[in-house]
Amino acid sequence: MSNNGTNKASNSKDNNFVLQAGILAAAGIISRIIGLLYRSPLTAVVGTLGMGYYQVAYNFYTIVLLLSSYSIPSAISKVIAQKLAVKEYRNAHRIFKCALGYVLVVGTIASLVLFFGAGLFLDNEAAIPVLRTFAPTIFLYGILGVLRGYFQAHHSMAQTSVSQILEQIVNAAVSVGAAYALIQGIMGTLEVPGDEAALVQRATAGAIGSALGTGAGVLIALIFMGGIYALNKDTIQKRIARDRHTNVASYRDVIKTITLVVTPFIISTAVYNLSDVVNSKLYVDVMPGVLGADSTDAYNNYGIFSSMAQTISKIPIAFASAMASAMIPSVAAQMAAQKYEEARIKIGVAVKSTMVISIPCAVGLLVLAKPVTTLLFPSQSDETLTYAGYLLMALTLSIVFYALSTLNSSILQGLGKVNTPIINAAIALAVQSGLVYVLMRYTTLDLYSLAIANTAYSGMMFLLNQWAVRRAVDYKQEVLKTFGAPLLAAVFMGAVAWAVNAGLYLLTESVVISVVVAVLVAVMVYFVMLLVFRGMDEEELRGFPKGHLLVKVAKKVGLL
């Protein structure tokens, strides 16, 4: 039996996960916007070389984090959601407690490995202390991840959403403040020195300050989530006391379950995110030696790619990541209750909702790449901004591919096919690694090699995961309303956005006015054209946050 991806859910409650994902997505987008806004003053203080040191160290920190605790929220939310679906509240809470014990042990080991083994990850002496600064954050993140996963399993994303915003606000404030203080304290001035040794010392100090901000943000988020759990503790205990199930799992069995579920999640997520680490290692360490290039220039260029173009391109993927977080407990609960048709309906709604957001974002960034980059990083030279803008244009297709592949990976995990994303990611990683090496070795594409490799990697992941989902649940996604209508509406939107931005800039010579107005007009045009092309009906529109208001507006102007 096959399923049309746009089948309507039986009632609005069935699509509640879209609303929850919307809440999480809103928080994710707000967090990433905050991240973008502070990147400009941070880059102005630290410089592109410092951002290069920070980003390369951050990539390796991310891998150790992925191998220890990053996947904990998704994995724990899946296991606990399965128990909550059959109202085994005592077992659900036992899983929560054992998960805390698990991350305390694994987080401690991972933090020590990162601190004492930093030199094994990086060849550049200037970046090693930056990587060591990240070490305590891994321990804190594990505990934070368990708390977030616990509430996500209850289909409540508000707690995670608020904690993400708090995390990013503190991260922004401490990153810029600590970078400024360390550079001023060590160098005695914020002036950029002329000699290379002093320039490297200044960049390292700034990168360490930025790394301190990451840890401070996680600490604040952990305090917040701990407080939320404390406020709900009495309610949780009362529900456990009312649980009449007699099949209480032993702690040994719970630990075994957590290990068996978490391990594939960890491996899958780690392999899925290895592309950035591989690409940065090839670009800043391997290729300078092969081609005889300067290592400092390589770090400086990589800072432009990663901290500017790639950071902007990842903003729209926040919605897909949020949808993925909401999908895992939702699909896992449906599968545990053997409601396969409802699982297929949820998958169709999730894919369509993700495309309705991701496709116009990709088109918008394609036509406004240089203006958006200029708006967000006004302190950079025109040459740097032009380069970053072209790199962003080269990355726009990967936005759609990453959105789909991220969502499908989580769908497969929710369906119990936890090993499939690992295999698919490994295949895609091998292909893209060979591609990026060949492009850098035998062409003059330089950083564009990384953009092409990113697109190839995400595209392969999308195709492999989509095929796996189709086989797993006999599922076929509807094409025209899911992909065709959003793309057609986005093309109209992109043309209008480009014209409005160009016209206003000629009149005002203000990047702020031209970009902001162009984006606002683009949103309205896309909304109208999407409904004109019948890309979304009333019930689907109501599934989005403030959907009832959107429906009211659409009816008032005759679009519904």
Protein backbone atom coordinates (compact mmCIF):
# COMPACT_ATOMS: atom_id res chain seq x y z
CA MET A 1 0.00 0.00 0.00
CA SER A 2 1.35 3.45 -0.89
CA ASN A 3 0.54 6.77 0.68
CA ASN A 4 0.04 10.19 -0.84
CA GLY A 5 2.20 12.66 1.08
CA THR A 6 -0.53 15.25 1.31
CA ASN A 7 -3.23 13.06 2.80
CA LYS A 8 -5.04 14.94 5.52
CA ALA A 9 -4.65 13.88 9.12
CA SER A 10 -7.75 12.65 10.86
CA ASN A 11 -7.86 15.71 13.09
CA SER A 12 -5.79 18.71 14.09
CA LYS A 13 -4.33 16.86 17.07
CA ASP A 14 -2.64 14.41 14.71
CA ASN A 15 -0.71 17.31 13.18
CA ASN A 16 0.18 18.84 16.53
CA PHE A 17 3.78 17.79 15.94
CA VAL A 18 3.91 20.36 13.10
CA LEU A 19 2.96 23.07 15.57
CA GLN A 20 5.53 21.78 18.10
CA ALA A 21 8.13 21.64 15.35
CA GLY A 22 7.16 25.19 14.38
CA ILE A 23 7.79 26.36 17.95
CA LEU A 24 11.18 24.65 17.96
CA ALA A 25 11.94 25.96 14.48
CA ALA A 26 11.07 29.52 15.49
CA ALA A 27 13.48 29.21 18.41
CA GLY A 28 16.11 27.67 16.15
CA ILE A 29 15.78 30.45 13.59
CA ILE A 30 15.86 33.13 16.30
CA SER A 31 18.94 31.46 17.77
CA ARG A 32 20.67 31.35 14.41
CA ILE A 33 19.78 34.96 13.68
CA ILE A 34 21.29 35.93 17.03
CA GLY A 35 24.29 33.84 16.04
CA LEU A 36 24.56 35.74 12.78
CA LEU A 37 24.13 39.14 14.39
CA TYR A 38 26.94 38.57 16.86
CA ARG A 39 29.21 37.05 14.19
CA SER A 40 29.62 40.49 12.66
CA PRO A 41 31.03 42.27 15.76
CA LEU A 42 32.91 39.08 16.70
CA THR A 43 34.58 38.90 13.30
CA ALA A 44 35.36 42.60 13.54
CA VAL A 45 37.13 41.99 16.88
CA VAL A 46 38.73 38.62 16.18
CA GLY A 47 39.39 38.90 12.43
CA THR A 48 38.92 36.24 9.77
CA LEU A 49 42.10 34.43 10.86
CA GLY A 50 40.78 34.14 14.41
CA MET A 51 37.44 32.93 13.06
CA GLY A 52 39.34 30.35 11.02
CA TYR A 53 41.07 29.03 14.16
CA TYR A 54 37.77 29.03 16.02
CA GLN A 55 35.81 27.28 13.27
CA VAL A 56 38.37 24.53 12.67
CA ALA A 57 38.59 23.86 16.43
CA TYR A 58 34.78 24.00 16.62
CA ASN A 59 34.48 21.34 13.90
CA PHE A 60 36.57 18.87 15.91
CA TYR A 61 34.80 19.80 19.14
CA THR A 62 31.54 19.07 17.34
CA ILE A 63 32.69 15.57 16.35
CA VAL A 64 33.70 14.68 19.92
CA LEU A 65 30.40 16.15 21.10
CA LEU A 66 28.53 14.08 18.51
CA LEU A 67 30.32 10.93 19.62
CA SER A 68 29.47 11.55 23.26
CA SER A 69 26.22 13.40 23.83
CA TYR A 70 24.89 15.52 20.94
CA SER A 71 22.40 12.85 19.81
CA ILE A 72 21.11 12.27 23.33
CA PRO A 73 17.96 14.46 22.98
CA SER A 74 16.75 12.62 19.87
CA ALA A 75 17.65 9.16 21.15
CA ILE A 76 16.20 9.64 24.62
CA SER A 77 13.05 11.30 23.30
CA LYS A 78 12.45 8.25 21.09
CA VAL A 79 12.87 5.68 23.89
CA ILE A 80 10.83 7.64 26.42
CA ALA A 81 8.09 8.43 23.87
CA GLN A 82 7.65 4.70 23.23
CA LYS A 83 7.05 4.14 26.95
CA LEU A 84 4.73 7.14 27.27
CA ALA A 85 2.68 5.88 24.31
CA VAL A 86 1.69 2.84 26.39
CA LYS A 87 1.57 4.88 29.63
CA GLU A 88 4.54 3.18 31.30
CA TYR A 89 5.47 6.28 33.28
CA ARG A 90 7.70 4.50 35.79
CA ASN A 91 9.80 2.93 33.05
CA ALA A 92 9.95 6.25 31.20
CA HIS A 93 11.38 8.01 34.25
CA ARG A 94 13.79 5.16 34.91
CA ILE A 95 15.14 5.65 31.38
CA PHE A 96 15.56 9.35 32.14
CA LYS A 97 17.60 8.66 35.29
CA CYS A 98 19.79 6.07 33.61
CA ALA A 99 20.39 8.43 30.70
CA LEU A 100 21.71 11.03 33.14
CA GLY A 101 24.14 8.48 34.53
CA TYR A 102 25.18 7.52 31.02
CA VAL A 103 26.06 11.09 29.96
CA LEU A 104 27.88 11.82 33.20
CA VAL A 105 30.27 8.96 32.52
CA VAL A 106 30.59 9.42 28.76
CA GLY A 107 30.73 13.21 29.01
CA THR A 108 33.56 13.11 31.52
CA ILE A 109 35.60 10.76 29.35
CA ALA A 110 34.96 12.80 26.20
CA SER A 111 35.92 16.07 27.90
CA LEU A 112 39.20 14.61 29.12
CA VAL A 113 39.98 13.14 25.68
CA LEU A 114 39.38 16.50 24.01
CA PHE A 115 41.47 18.44 26.53
CA PHE A 116 44.48 16.16 26.71
CA GLY A 117 44.28 14.91 23.12
CA ALA A 118 43.77 18.25 21.37
CA GLY A 119 47.16 17.94 19.71
CA LEU A 120 46.09 14.69 18.07
CA PHE A 121 43.18 16.42 16.32
CA LEU A 122 44.97 19.57 15.13
CA ASP A 123 48.38 20.16 13.59
CA ASN A 124 48.32 23.94 14.05
CA GLU A 125 49.69 25.00 17.46
CA ALA A 126 47.65 28.21 17.44
CA ALA A 127 44.32 26.34 17.25
CA ILE A 128 45.08 23.70 19.94
CA PRO A 129 44.33 25.93 22.99
CA VAL A 130 41.05 26.94 21.33
CA LEU A 131 40.04 23.28 21.08
CA ARG A 132 40.97 22.69 24.74
CA THR A 133 38.72 25.56 25.78
CA PHE A 134 35.74 23.64 24.37
CA ALA A 135 36.40 20.55 26.55
CA PRO A 136 34.21 21.37 29.61
CA THR A 137 31.27 22.24 27.34
CA ILE A 138 30.96 18.59 26.25
CA PHE A 139 30.34 17.46 29.84
CA LEU A 140 27.67 20.13 30.37
CA TYR A 141 25.96 19.48 27.05
CA GLY A 142 25.31 15.81 27.86
CA ILE A 143 23.20 16.68 30.90
CA LEU A 144 21.43 19.44 28.97
CA GLY A 145 20.67 16.99 26.16
CA VAL A 146 18.97 14.49 28.48
CA LEU A 147 16.74 17.19 29.95
CA ARG A 148 15.78 18.46 26.49
CA GLY A 149 15.07 14.94 25.26
CA TYR A 150 12.86 14.22 28.26
CA PHE A 151 10.53 17.12 27.52
CA GLN A 152 10.60 16.51 23.76
CA ALA A 153 9.37 12.96 24.43
CA HIS A 154 6.28 14.56 25.99
CA HIS A 155 5.75 16.45 22.68
CA SER A 156 6.56 19.70 24.45
CA MET A 157 9.13 21.79 22.60
CA ALA A 158 8.66 25.07 24.48
CA GLN A 159 11.26 24.28 27.15
CA THR A 160 13.90 23.33 24.60
CA SER A 161 13.02 26.40 22.51
CA VAL A 162 13.47 28.88 25.35
CA SER A 163 16.69 27.21 26.46
CA GLN A 164 18.09 27.45 22.92
CA ILE A 165 17.39 31.18 22.75
CA LEU A 166 18.92 31.76 26.19
CA GLU A 167 21.93 29.70 25.19
CA GLN A 168 22.54 31.76 22.10
CA ILE A 169 22.04 35.14 23.80
CA VAL A 170 24.61 34.32 26.47
CA ASN A 171 26.89 32.77 23.86
CA ALA A 172 26.79 35.98 21.83
CA ALA A 173 27.42 38.29 24.77
CA VAL A 174 30.24 36.26 26.32
CA SER A 175 31.90 35.45 22.97
CA VAL A 176 32.30 39.09 21.95
CA GLY A 177 33.06 40.28 25.49
CA ALA A 178 35.61 37.57 26.26
CA ALA A 179 37.31 37.92 22.86
CA TYR A 180 37.61 41.69 23.37
CA ALA A 181 38.92 41.28 26.93
CA LEU A 182 41.47 38.59 26.05
CA ILE A 183 42.85 40.45 23.04
CA GLN A 184 43.06 43.70 25.01
CA GLY A 185 44.63 41.93 28.00
CA ILE A 186 47.20 39.90 26.05
CA MET A 187 48.07 42.32 23.26
CA GLY A 188 47.51 45.57 25.15
CA THR A 189 45.57 46.97 22.19
CA LEU A 190 42.92 45.96 19.66
CA GLU A 191 45.06 47.16 16.77
CA VAL A 192 45.90 44.45 14.23
CA PRO A 193 49.69 43.90 14.30
CA GLY A 194 51.83 43.84 11.18
CA ASP A 195 54.06 40.84 11.90
CA GLU A 196 52.68 37.32 11.48
CA ALA A 197 53.64 35.97 14.94
CA ALA A 198 51.74 38.74 16.75
CA LEU A 199 48.83 38.39 14.31
CA VAL A 200 48.56 34.67 15.14
CA GLN A 201 48.76 35.39 18.88
CA ARG A 202 45.98 37.95 18.60
CA ALA A 203 43.80 35.61 16.54
CA THR A 204 44.26 32.76 19.04
CA ALA A 205 43.28 34.97 21.98
CA GLY A 206 40.12 36.07 20.19
CA ALA A 207 39.20 32.50 19.20
CA ILE A 208 39.61 31.32 22.81
CA GLY A 209 37.24 34.08 23.95
CA SER A 210 34.67 32.96 21.40
CA ALA A 211 35.00 29.35 22.61
CA LEU A 212 34.34 30.51 26.18
CA GLY A 213 31.06 31.97 24.94
CA THR A 214 29.93 28.57 23.65
CA GLY A 215 30.46 27.03 27.08
CA ALA A 216 28.76 29.88 28.92
CA GLY A 217 25.69 29.53 26.71
CA VAL A 218 25.37 25.80 27.38
CA LEU A 219 25.78 26.39 31.13
CA ILE A 220 22.92 28.92 31.24
CA ALA A 221 20.68 26.63 29.18
CA LEU A 222 21.44 23.76 31.57
CA ILE A 223 20.53 25.87 34.61
CA PHE A 224 17.26 26.84 32.93
CA MET A 225 16.29 23.27 31.98
CA GLY A 226 17.23 22.04 35.45
CA GLY A 227 14.94 24.66 36.95
CA ILE A 228 12.07 23.62 34.64
CA TYR A 229 12.48 19.99 35.69
CA ALA A 230 12.51 20.98 39.38
CA LEU A 231 9.24 22.90 38.92
CA ASN A 232 7.60 19.84 37.33
CA LYS A 233 9.08 17.24 39.66
CA ASP A 234 6.00 16.90 41.90
CA THR A 235 3.71 16.38 38.90
CA ILE A 236 6.10 13.80 37.45
CA GLN A 237 6.24 11.88 40.73
CA LYS A 238 2.44 11.86 41.08
CA ARG A 239 2.04 10.42 37.61
CA ILE A 240 4.62 7.73 38.39
CA ALA A 241 2.74 6.86 41.58
CA ARG A 242 -0.46 6.31 39.56
CA ASP A 243 1.30 3.93 37.16
CA ARG A 244 -0.18 0.45 37.66
CA HIS A 245 2.05 -1.39 35.20
CA THR A 246 3.86 -4.30 36.84
CA ASN A 247 6.49 -4.90 34.15
CA VAL A 248 9.07 -2.47 35.56
CA ALA A 249 12.36 -2.79 33.70
CA SER A 250 15.54 -3.42 35.68
CA TYR A 251 18.27 -0.81 35.60
CA ARG A 252 20.47 -3.30 33.76
CA ASP A 253 17.87 -3.66 31.01
CA VAL A 254 17.35 0.11 30.83
CA ILE A 255 21.08 0.76 30.45
CA LYS A 256 21.22 -1.91 27.75
CA THR A 257 18.27 -0.30 25.92
CA ILE A 258 19.81 3.16 26.12
CA THR A 259 23.14 1.89 24.84
CA LEU A 260 21.56 -0.02 21.96
CA VAL A 261 19.47 2.99 20.93
CA VAL A 262 21.94 5.80 21.63
CA THR A 263 24.93 4.19 19.92
CA PRO A 264 23.40 4.06 16.42
CA PHE A 265 22.07 7.61 16.89
CA ILE A 266 25.55 8.79 17.86
CA ILE A 267 27.31 7.02 15.00
CA SER A 268 24.70 8.20 12.49
CA THR A 269 24.86 11.83 13.61
CA ALA A 270 28.67 11.79 13.80
CA VAL A 271 29.11 10.35 10.32
CA TYR A 272 26.42 12.70 8.97
CA ASN A 273 28.34 15.72 10.29
CA LEU A 274 31.85 14.51 9.45
CA SER A 275 31.87 16.29 6.10
CA ASP A 276 32.73 19.67 7.63
CA VAL A 277 35.58 18.14 9.63
CA VAL A 278 36.96 16.29 6.62
CA ASN A 279 36.69 19.36 4.41
CA SER A 280 38.34 21.67 6.93
CA LYS A 281 41.14 19.16 7.55
CA LEU A 282 41.77 18.85 3.81
CA TYR A 283 41.66 22.59 3.23
CA VAL A 284 43.73 23.93 6.14
CA ASP A 285 46.14 21.05 6.82
CA VAL A 286 46.47 18.64 3.88
CA MET A 287 46.21 20.83 0.79
CA PRO A 288 48.63 23.60 1.90
CA GLY A 289 51.30 20.91 2.20
CA VAL A 290 50.42 19.31 -1.12
CA LEU A 291 50.14 22.57 -3.05
CA GLY A 292 52.81 24.50 -1.17
CA ALA A 293 50.32 27.12 0.05
CA ASP A 294 50.55 29.21 3.21
CA SER A 295 48.75 27.69 6.23
CA THR A 296 47.83 31.08 7.69
CA ASP A 297 46.16 32.11 4.42
CA ALA A 298 44.27 28.80 4.39
CA TYR A 299 42.86 29.42 7.90
CA ASN A 300 41.98 32.97 6.92
CA ASN A 301 40.09 31.82 3.80
CA TYR A 302 38.35 29.03 5.67
CA GLY A 303 37.15 31.64 8.17
CA ILE A 304 35.39 33.48 5.31
CA PHE A 305 33.71 30.30 4.09
CA SER A 306 32.66 28.83 7.44
CA SER A 307 31.88 31.89 9.57
CA MET A 308 30.12 33.87 6.83
CA ALA A 309 28.75 31.92 3.83
CA GLN A 310 28.18 28.57 5.52
CA THR A 311 26.74 30.13 8.69
CA ILE A 312 24.13 32.04 6.67
CA SER A 313 23.22 28.98 4.60
CA LYS A 314 22.49 26.96 7.73
CA ILE A 315 19.79 29.31 9.05
CA PRO A 316 16.89 27.84 6.99
CA ILE A 317 17.92 24.30 8.00
CA ALA A 318 16.79 25.17 11.54
CA PHE A 319 13.21 24.40 10.51
CA ALA A 320 14.16 20.98 9.18
CA SER A 321 16.16 20.24 12.34
CA ALA A 322 13.18 21.23 14.47
CA MET A 323 10.82 19.14 12.38
CA ALA A 324 13.25 16.23 12.72
CA SER A 325 13.32 16.59 16.51
CA ALA A 326 9.52 16.55 16.59
CA MET A 327 9.30 13.64 14.15
CA ILE A 328 11.37 11.10 16.11
CA PRO A 329 9.13 10.76 19.21
CA SER A 330 6.00 11.21 17.11
CA VAL A 331 6.79 8.50 14.56
CA ALA A 332 8.26 6.21 17.24
CA ALA A 333 5.02 6.47 19.23
CA GLN A 334 2.93 5.69 16.12
CA MET A 335 5.08 2.67 15.27
CA ALA A 336 4.96 1.42 18.87
CA ALA A 337 1.15 1.61 18.71
CA GLN A 338 1.23 -0.08 15.25
CA LYS A 339 -0.51 2.91 13.62
CA TYR A 340 1.38 2.64 10.35
CA GLU A 341 -1.02 4.67 8.22
CA GLU A 342 -0.87 7.58 10.67
CA ALA A 343 2.94 7.37 10.60
CA ARG A 344 2.88 7.68 6.81
CA ILE A 345 0.56 10.69 7.02
CA LYS A 346 2.87 12.42 9.50
CA ILE A 347 5.87 11.79 7.27
CA GLY A 348 4.08 13.36 4.29
CA VAL A 349 3.06 16.43 6.31
CA ALA A 350 6.59 16.84 7.69
CA VAL A 351 8.27 16.67 4.27
CA LYS A 352 5.83 19.11 2.73
CA SER A 353 6.06 21.57 5.63
CA THR A 354 9.85 21.48 5.40
CA MET A 355 9.84 22.14 1.65
CA VAL A 356 7.36 25.01 1.98
CA ILE A 357 9.97 26.75 4.16
CA SER A 358 13.30 25.55 2.73
CA ILE A 359 12.72 26.12 -1.01
CA PRO A 360 11.89 29.87 -0.78
CA CYS A 361 14.76 30.38 1.68
CA ALA A 362 17.19 28.85 -0.81
CA VAL A 363 15.87 30.96 -3.69
CA GLY A 364 15.85 34.11 -1.54
CA LEU A 365 19.49 33.66 -0.50
CA LEU A 366 20.44 32.92 -4.11
CA VAL A 367 19.15 36.27 -5.41
CA LEU A 368 20.11 38.33 -2.34
CA ALA A 369 23.41 36.65 -1.44
CA LYS A 370 25.70 39.69 -1.65
CA PRO A 371 23.24 42.18 -0.05
CA VAL A 372 22.48 39.80 2.85
CA THR A 373 26.17 39.14 3.45
CA THR A 374 26.89 42.88 3.36
CA LEU A 375 24.05 43.56 5.80
CA LEU A 376 25.26 40.95 8.30
CA PHE A 377 29.01 41.63 8.05
CA PRO A 378 29.33 45.39 7.39
CA SER A 379 32.84 45.62 8.86
CA GLN A 380 34.38 43.40 6.17
CA SER A 381 35.99 44.66 2.97
CA ASP A 382 34.02 44.71 -0.27
CA GLU A 383 36.34 42.07 -1.72
CA THR A 384 35.65 39.71 1.21
CA LEU A 385 31.90 40.36 1.05
CA THR A 386 31.80 39.67 -2.69
CA TYR A 387 33.71 36.42 -2.22
CA ALA A 388 31.43 35.34 0.66
CA GLY A 389 28.35 36.27 -1.38
CA TYR A 390 29.39 34.08 -4.31
CA LEU A 391 30.17 31.22 -1.92
CA LEU A 392 26.72 31.60 -0.40
CA MET A 393 25.15 31.41 -3.86
CA ALA A 394 27.07 28.20 -4.49
CA LEU A 395 25.68 26.74 -1.25
CA THR A 396 21.98 27.55 -1.78
CA LEU A 397 21.00 24.24 -3.41
CA SER A 398 22.50 22.38 -0.45
CA ILE A 399 19.94 24.14 1.80
CA VAL A 400 17.11 22.12 0.26
CA PHE A 401 19.14 18.90 0.19
CA TYR A 402 20.26 19.26 3.82
CA ALA A 403 16.71 20.00 4.94
CA LEU A 404 15.41 16.84 3.28
CA SER A 405 18.29 14.60 4.32
CA THR A 406 18.16 15.80 7.96
CA LEU A 407 14.43 15.16 8.15
CA ASN A 408 14.64 11.75 6.47
CA SER A 409 17.48 10.64 8.76
CA SER A 410 15.29 11.34 11.77
CA ILE A 411 12.28 9.64 10.15
CA LEU A 412 14.37 6.50 9.64
CA GLN A 413 15.53 6.64 13.26
CA GLY A 414 11.93 7.02 14.43
CA LEU A 415 10.97 4.01 12.29
CA GLY A 416 13.64 1.94 13.99
CA LYS A 417 15.95 1.91 10.94
CA VAL A 418 18.79 3.44 12.94
CA ASN A 419 21.62 1.83 10.95
CA THR A 420 20.39 2.98 7.54
CA PRO A 421 21.37 6.68 7.93
CA ILE A 422 24.84 5.55 9.06
CA ILE A 423 25.40 3.53 5.89
CA ASN A 424 23.99 6.28 3.68
CA ALA A 425 26.11 8.97 5.35
CA ALA A 426 29.26 6.84 5.03
CA ILE A 427 28.66 6.35 1.29
CA ALA A 428 27.99 10.05 0.72
CA LEU A 429 31.02 11.04 2.85
CA ALA A 430 33.37 8.81 0.86
CA VAL A 431 32.17 10.28 -2.44
CA GLN A 432 32.32 13.92 -1.30
CA SER A 433 35.76 13.50 0.29
CA GLY A 434 37.19 12.19 -2.96
CA LEU A 435 35.42 14.97 -4.85
CA VAL A 436 36.75 17.79 -2.67
CA TYR A 437 40.31 16.43 -2.87
CA VAL A 438 40.19 16.17 -6.67
CA LEU A 439 38.67 19.64 -7.06
CA MET A 440 41.24 21.29 -4.77
CA ARG A 441 44.15 19.33 -6.21
CA TYR A 442 43.45 19.67 -9.91
CA THR A 443 41.33 22.83 -10.30
CA THR A 444 41.55 26.49 -9.27
CA LEU A 445 38.10 26.46 -7.61
CA ASP A 446 39.63 26.82 -4.11
CA LEU A 447 36.78 27.41 -1.59
CA TYR A 448 34.17 26.71 -4.24
CA SER A 449 35.39 23.11 -4.04
CA LEU A 450 33.97 22.95 -0.50
CA ALA A 451 30.64 24.42 -1.63
CA ILE A 452 30.35 21.89 -4.47
CA ALA A 453 31.28 19.03 -2.15
CA ASN A 454 28.67 20.17 0.41
CA THR A 455 25.98 20.16 -2.26
CA ALA A 456 27.03 16.74 -3.58
CA TYR A 457 27.10 15.27 -0.09
CA SER A 458 23.70 16.60 0.97
CA GLY A 459 22.18 15.61 -2.37
CA MET A 460 23.37 12.02 -2.06
CA MET A 461 22.13 11.84 1.52
CA PHE A 462 18.71 13.07 0.44
CA LEU A 463 18.38 10.51 -2.37
CA LEU A 464 19.59 7.56 -0.28
CA ASN A 465 17.48 8.44 2.75
CA GLN A 466 14.37 9.17 0.70
CA TRP A 467 14.63 5.79 -0.99
CA ALA A 468 15.12 4.09 2.39
CA VAL A 469 12.03 5.77 3.88
CA ARG A 470 9.96 4.73 0.89
CA ARG A 471 11.01 1.10 1.29
CA ALA A 472 10.59 1.11 5.08
CA VAL A 473 6.92 2.14 5.21
CA ASP A 474 5.73 1.69 1.62
CA TYR A 475 5.61 5.47 1.36
CA LYS A 476 5.59 7.73 -1.69
CA GLN A 477 5.77 11.49 -1.40
CA GLU A 478 3.37 13.57 -3.50
CA VAL A 479 5.48 15.72 -5.84
CA LEU A 480 3.55 18.61 -7.39
CA LYS A 481 2.18 20.26 -4.23
CA THR A 482 5.22 19.36 -2.12
CA PHE A 483 7.98 20.46 -4.50
CA GLY A 484 6.43 21.97 -7.64
CA ALA A 485 4.15 24.61 -6.14
CA PRO A 486 6.70 25.92 -3.58
CA LEU A 487 9.39 26.11 -6.28
CA LEU A 488 7.15 27.95 -8.73
CA ALA A 489 6.00 30.37 -6.03
CA ALA A 490 9.63 30.85 -4.93
CA VAL A 491 10.72 31.75 -8.48
CA PHE A 492 8.14 34.56 -8.60
CA MET A 493 9.19 35.61 -5.11
CA GLY A 494 12.89 35.62 -6.02
CA ALA A 495 12.32 37.85 -9.07
CA VAL A 496 10.33 40.36 -7.02
CA ALA A 497 12.86 40.32 -4.16
CA TRP A 498 15.77 40.97 -6.52
CA ALA A 499 13.95 43.84 -8.24
CA VAL A 500 12.83 45.47 -4.97
CA ASN A 501 16.31 45.24 -3.46
CA ALA A 502 18.04 46.60 -6.56
CA GLY A 503 15.54 49.44 -6.99
CA LEU A 504 15.59 50.54 -3.35
CA TYR A 505 19.38 50.43 -3.18
CA LEU A 506 19.60 52.72 -6.21
CA LEU A 507 17.20 55.13 -4.52
CA THR A 508 18.49 55.01 -0.93
CA GLU A 509 22.02 53.52 -1.12
CA SER A 510 21.08 51.78 2.14
CA VAL A 511 21.69 48.03 2.39
CA VAL A 512 19.54 47.85 5.51
CA ILE A 513 16.48 49.44 3.90
CA SER A 514 16.79 47.60 0.58
CA VAL A 515 17.33 44.14 2.09
CA VAL A 516 14.77 44.39 4.89
CA VAL A 517 12.02 45.72 2.61
CA ALA A 518 12.89 43.16 -0.09
CA VAL A 519 12.63 40.30 2.41
CA LEU A 520 9.29 41.53 3.77
CA VAL A 521 7.87 41.90 0.26
CA ALA A 522 9.26 38.48 -0.68
CA VAL A 523 7.47 36.80 2.24
CA MET A 524 4.13 38.31 1.22
CA VAL A 525 4.60 37.47 -2.47
CA TYR A 526 5.54 33.88 -1.67
CA PHE A 527 2.54 33.42 0.63
CA VAL A 528 0.17 34.72 -2.05
CA MET A 529 1.71 32.73 -4.90
CA LEU A 530 1.81 29.52 -2.86
CA LEU A 531 -1.94 29.75 -2.33
CA VAL A 532 -2.54 30.79 -5.95
CA PHE A 533 -0.72 27.66 -7.14
CA ARG A 534 -2.69 25.56 -4.61
CA GLY A 535 0.47 24.54 -2.79
CA MET A 536 -1.31 24.49 0.58
CA ASP A 537 -4.91 24.10 1.69
CA GLU A 538 -6.69 25.50 4.74
CA GLU A 539 -6.11 22.53 7.05
CA GLU A 540 -2.39 22.40 6.24
CA LEU A 541 -2.06 26.14 6.81
CA ARG A 542 -3.70 25.84 10.21
CA GLY A 543 -0.98 23.37 11.23
CA PHE A 544 1.64 26.13 11.27
CA PRO A 545 2.20 28.45 14.25
CA LYS A 546 -0.39 31.28 14.05
CA GLY A 547 -1.99 29.24 11.28
CA HIS A 548 -5.49 30.41 12.20
CA LEU A 549 -4.37 34.01 11.63
CA LEU A 550 -2.86 33.12 8.24
CA VAL A 551 -6.12 31.40 7.25
CA LYS A 552 -8.11 34.46 8.31
CA VAL A 553 -5.92 36.77 6.22
CA ALA A 554 -6.02 34.43 3.21
CA LYS A 555 -9.82 34.25 3.31
CA LYS A 556 -10.15 37.97 3.70
CA VAL A 557 -8.23 38.60 0.46
CA GLY A 558 -9.92 35.76 -1.39
CA LEU A 559 -6.99 33.33 -1.57
CA LEU A 560 -8.86 30.57 0.28
